[in-house]
């Protein structure tokens, strides 16, 4: 089993898949929620180096984790290495109002 993330101190760097859609977000949400609920992940960085497509469920998984971090009094969620297309989608969706762009 390969990990989709790596840890650096209290930061989780989550490597998003090539296609972020309703099939993949269930696993992403479950994996990150487990890390958040256990107290391991105080900061989340979505690394989109390999992401070529994303639908509304991908936006939802990012918003959901940002809201969950806010519930735990820490809204430190970021997106990095976004392609031009993914960046446009996130910007149009207003994600950068709640998520930092790295």
C-alpha atoms as a PDB file:
ATOM      1  CA  UNK A   1       0.000   0.000   0.000  1.00  0.00           C
ATOM      2  CA  UNK A   2       1.483   3.332  -0.983  1.00  0.00           C
ATOM      3  CA  UNK A   3       0.921   6.503   0.966  1.00  0.00           C
ATOM      4  CA  UNK A   4      -0.637   9.476  -0.733  1.00  0.00           C
ATOM      5  CA  UNK A   5       0.944  11.888   1.714  1.00  0.00           C
ATOM      6  CA  UNK A   6       4.075  12.655   3.662  1.00  0.00           C
ATOM      7  CA  UNK A   7       4.508  14.302   7.042  1.00  0.00           C
ATOM      8  CA  UNK A   8       6.781  17.185   7.914  1.00  0.00           C
ATOM      9  CA  UNK A   9       6.422  18.113  11.582  1.00  0.00           C
ATOM     10  CA  UNK A  10       2.685  18.830  12.008  1.00  0.00           C
ATOM     11  CA  UNK A  11       2.134  19.389   8.280  1.00  0.00           C
ATOM     12  CA  UNK A  12       0.615  16.840   5.924  1.00  0.00           C
ATOM     13  CA  UNK A  13       1.558  17.191   2.279  1.00  0.00           C
ATOM     14  CA  UNK A  14      -1.148  15.354   0.368  1.00  0.00           C
ATOM     15  CA  UNK A  15      -0.285  14.378  -3.201  1.00  0.00           C
ATOM     16  CA  UNK A  16      -3.481  14.716  -5.189  1.00  0.00           C
ATOM     17  CA  UNK A  17      -4.085  12.119  -7.934  1.00  0.00           C
ATOM     18  CA  UNK A  18      -4.096  12.820 -11.657  1.00  0.00           C
ATOM     19  CA  UNK A  19      -7.896  12.897 -11.717  1.00  0.00           C
ATOM     20  CA  UNK A  20      -9.670  14.380  -8.731  1.00  0.00           C
ATOM     21  CA  UNK A  21     -13.289  13.320  -9.138  1.00  0.00           C
ATOM     22  CA  UNK A  22     -16.121  11.757  -7.167  1.00  0.00           C
ATOM     23  CA  UNK A  23     -14.362   8.373  -7.290  1.00  0.00           C
ATOM     24  CA  UNK A  24     -11.109   9.579  -5.732  1.00  0.00           C
ATOM     25  CA  UNK A  25     -12.377  12.118  -3.199  1.00  0.00           C
ATOM     26  CA  UNK A  26     -13.895   9.496  -0.901  1.00  0.00           C
ATOM     27  CA  UNK A  27     -10.436   8.056  -0.227  1.00  0.00           C
ATOM     28  CA  UNK A  28      -8.825  11.501   0.010  1.00  0.00           C
ATOM     29  CA  UNK A  29     -11.410  12.714   2.527  1.00  0.00           C
ATOM     30  CA  UNK A  30     -11.233   9.542   4.618  1.00  0.00           C
ATOM     31  CA  UNK A  31      -7.440   9.559   4.744  1.00  0.00           C
ATOM     32  CA  UNK A  32      -7.190  13.252   5.667  1.00  0.00           C
ATOM     33  CA  UNK A  33     -10.081  13.129   8.143  1.00  0.00           C
ATOM     34  CA  UNK A  34      -8.353  10.307   9.977  1.00  0.00           C
ATOM     35  CA  UNK A  35      -5.164  12.372  10.247  1.00  0.00           C
ATOM     36  CA  UNK A  36      -7.063  15.491  11.330  1.00  0.00           C
ATOM     37  CA  UNK A  37      -9.195  13.660  13.896  1.00  0.00           C
ATOM     38  CA  UNK A  38      -6.142  11.979  15.412  1.00  0.00           C
ATOM     39  CA  UNK A  39      -4.472  15.367  15.895  1.00  0.00           C
ATOM     40  CA  UNK A  40      -1.527  14.479  13.692  1.00  0.00           C
ATOM     41  CA  UNK A  41      -2.335  16.940  10.902  1.00  0.00           C
ATOM     42  CA  UNK A  42      -2.468  20.566  12.001  1.00  0.00           C
ATOM     43  CA  UNK A  43      -1.600  21.894   8.536  1.00  0.00           C
ATOM     44  CA  UNK A  44      -2.621  20.461   5.197  1.00  0.00           C
ATOM     45  CA  UNK A  45      -0.968  21.178   1.867  1.00  0.00           C
ATOM     46  CA  UNK A  46      -2.648  19.833  -1.260  1.00  0.00           C
ATOM     47  CA  UNK A  47       0.146  19.192  -3.759  1.00  0.00           C
ATOM     48  CA  UNK A  48      -1.340  19.161  -7.262  1.00  0.00           C
ATOM     49  CA  UNK A  49       1.802  18.459  -9.247  1.00  0.00           C
ATOM     50  CA  UNK A  50       0.245  15.408 -10.932  1.00  0.00           C
ATOM     51  CA  UNK A  51      -3.347  16.674 -11.119  1.00  0.00           C
ATOM     52  CA  UNK A  52      -4.580  17.209 -14.668  1.00  0.00           C
ATOM     53  CA  UNK A  53      -8.337  17.312 -14.050  1.00  0.00           C
ATOM     54  CA  UNK A  54     -10.645  18.124 -11.176  1.00  0.00           C
ATOM     55  CA  UNK A  55     -14.403  18.349 -10.890  1.00  0.00           C
ATOM     56  CA  UNK A  56     -16.637  19.950  -8.273  1.00  0.00           C
ATOM     57  CA  UNK A  57     -16.119  17.068  -5.849  1.00  0.00           C
ATOM     58  CA  UNK A  58     -12.397  17.950  -5.805  1.00  0.00           C
ATOM     59  CA  UNK A  59     -13.284  21.491  -4.824  1.00  0.00           C
ATOM     60  CA  UNK A  60     -15.598  20.052  -2.193  1.00  0.00           C
ATOM     61  CA  UNK A  61     -12.912  17.887  -0.617  1.00  0.00           C
ATOM     62  CA  UNK A  62     -10.612  20.911  -0.286  1.00  0.00           C
ATOM     63  CA  UNK A  63     -13.370  23.078   1.202  1.00  0.00           C
ATOM     64  CA  UNK A  64     -14.390  20.281   3.555  1.00  0.00           C
ATOM     65  CA  UNK A  65     -10.879  19.830   4.946  1.00  0.00           C
ATOM     66  CA  UNK A  66     -10.477  23.627   5.334  1.00  0.00           C
ATOM     67  CA  UNK A  67     -13.752  23.785   7.278  1.00  0.00           C
ATOM     68  CA  UNK A  68     -12.710  20.842   9.412  1.00  0.00           C
ATOM     69  CA  UNK A  69      -9.368  22.516  10.244  1.00  0.00           C
ATOM     70  CA  UNK A  70     -11.258  25.710  11.104  1.00  0.00           C
ATOM     71  CA  UNK A  71     -13.439  23.686  13.508  1.00  0.00           C
ATOM     72  CA  UNK A  72     -10.235  22.649  15.264  1.00  0.00           C
ATOM     73  CA  UNK A  73      -9.220  26.356  15.455  1.00  0.00           C
ATOM     74  CA  UNK A  74      -6.615  26.064  12.741  1.00  0.00           C
ATOM     75  CA  UNK A  75      -7.496  26.876   9.166  1.00  0.00           C
ATOM     76  CA  UNK A  76      -4.023  26.283   7.801  1.00  0.00           C
ATOM     77  CA  UNK A  77      -4.781  24.678   4.458  1.00  0.00           C
ATOM     78  CA  UNK A  78      -2.850  25.394   1.260  1.00  0.00           C
ATOM     79  CA  UNK A  79      -2.683  24.339  -2.380  1.00  0.00           C
ATOM     80  CA  UNK A  80       0.564  24.221  -4.309  1.00  0.00           C
ATOM     81  CA  UNK A  81       1.949  23.208  -7.682  1.00  0.00           C
ATOM     82  CA  UNK A  82      -1.383  23.796  -9.367  1.00  0.00           C
ATOM     83  CA  UNK A  83      -1.500  23.644 -13.147  1.00  0.00           C
ATOM     84  CA  UNK A  84      -2.868  26.673 -14.965  1.00  0.00           C
ATOM     85  CA  UNK A  85      -6.167  24.860 -15.444  1.00  0.00           C
ATOM     86  CA  UNK A  86      -6.471  23.738 -11.812  1.00  0.00           C
ATOM     87  CA  UNK A  87      -5.462  27.207 -10.653  1.00  0.00           C
ATOM     88  CA  UNK A  88      -8.222  28.753 -12.794  1.00  0.00           C
ATOM     89  CA  UNK A  89     -10.801  26.305 -11.390  1.00  0.00           C
ATOM     90  CA  UNK A  90      -9.767  27.014  -7.799  1.00  0.00           C
ATOM     91  CA  UNK A  91      -9.693  30.756  -8.381  1.00  0.00           C
ATOM     92  CA  UNK A  92     -13.137  30.804 -10.045  1.00  0.00           C
ATOM     93  CA  UNK A  93     -14.549  28.698  -7.203  1.00  0.00           C
ATOM     94  CA  UNK A  94     -13.257  31.212  -4.661  1.00  0.00           C
ATOM     95  CA  UNK A  95     -11.065  28.641  -2.936  1.00  0.00           C
ATOM     96  CA  UNK A  96      -8.233  31.107  -2.411  1.00  0.00           C
ATOM     97  CA  UNK A  97     -10.408  33.039   0.045  1.00  0.00           C
ATOM     98  CA  UNK A  98     -10.134  30.137   2.487  1.00  0.00           C
ATOM     99  CA  UNK A  99      -7.039  28.277   1.230  1.00  0.00           C
ATOM    100  CA  UNK A 100      -3.561  29.735   0.786  1.00  0.00           C
ATOM    101  CA  UNK A 101      -1.890  29.396  -2.594  1.00  0.00           C
ATOM    102  CA  UNK A 102       1.748  28.351  -2.271  1.00  0.00           C
END
